[in-house]
Amino acid sequence: MSKIVLVDEETGDRVRHPLRSLKEADIQREWYERMTGRRFRVVKVFGQPGGQEELV
């Protein structure tokens, strides 16, 4: 199962709870970039066995 999240390009930290769609993620990315002046990227996170997650 995968989730869509926003990641701060400078720090690599996730900045938002999982989003429902790529359209919603793009809207949120634009809003965060306008409000903070920083760059963000939309990333899919895939669950791994044992509860770990992998950013792709």
Protein backbone atom coordinates (compact mmCIF):
# COMPACT_ATOMS: atom_id res chain seq x y z
CA MET A 1 0.00 0.00 0.00
CA SER A 2 1.34 3.45 -0.84
CA LYS A 3 0.72 6.94 0.52
CA ILE A 4 1.40 10.37 -0.99
CA VAL A 5 3.25 12.87 1.23
CA LEU A 6 5.01 16.23 0.89
CA VAL A 7 8.73 16.39 1.68
CA ASP A 8 10.82 19.51 2.32
CA GLU A 9 13.59 19.42 -0.32
CA GLU A 10 16.11 21.16 1.95
CA THR A 11 15.73 19.02 5.08
CA GLY A 12 14.10 15.86 3.71
CA ASP A 13 11.42 16.02 6.43
CA ARG A 14 7.79 15.14 5.78
CA VAL A 15 5.65 18.21 6.29
CA ARG A 16 2.12 16.88 5.94
CA HIS A 17 -0.01 13.87 6.75
CA PRO A 18 -0.70 11.45 3.87
CA LEU A 19 -2.68 13.04 1.03
CA ARG A 20 -5.48 11.38 -0.93
CA SER A 21 -4.56 12.26 -4.51
CA LEU A 22 -1.84 13.75 -6.68
CA LYS A 23 -4.11 16.72 -7.42
CA GLU A 24 -4.55 17.44 -3.70
CA ALA A 25 -0.79 16.99 -3.17
CA ASP A 26 0.03 19.50 -5.92
CA ILE A 27 -2.37 22.08 -4.42
CA GLN A 28 -0.84 21.60 -0.96
CA ARG A 29 2.72 21.77 -2.38
CA GLU A 30 1.98 25.10 -4.06
CA TRP A 31 0.43 26.46 -0.85
CA TYR A 32 3.40 25.41 1.31
CA GLU A 33 5.86 26.91 -1.21
CA ARG A 34 3.97 30.22 -1.23
CA MET A 35 3.68 30.39 2.57
CA THR A 36 7.25 29.34 3.44
CA GLY A 37 9.32 30.34 0.40
CA ARG A 38 10.87 26.86 0.41
CA ARG A 39 10.70 24.03 -2.16
CA PHE A 40 8.68 20.86 -1.54
CA ARG A 41 8.27 17.67 -3.51
CA VAL A 42 5.46 15.15 -3.77
CA VAL A 43 6.63 11.65 -2.80
CA LYS A 44 4.98 8.23 -2.75
CA VAL A 45 5.73 6.17 0.36
CA PHE A 46 5.47 2.39 0.16
CA GLY A 47 4.95 0.23 3.25
CA GLN A 48 7.50 -2.51 3.86
CA PRO A 49 7.15 -5.75 5.84
CA GLY A 50 7.80 -5.06 9.51
CA GLY A 51 6.11 -1.64 9.46
CA GLN A 52 8.97 0.29 7.84
CA GLU A 53 8.36 2.73 5.00
CA GLU A 54 10.40 3.49 1.89
CA LEU A 55 10.35 6.91 0.17
CA VAL A 56 10.35 6.71 -3.63
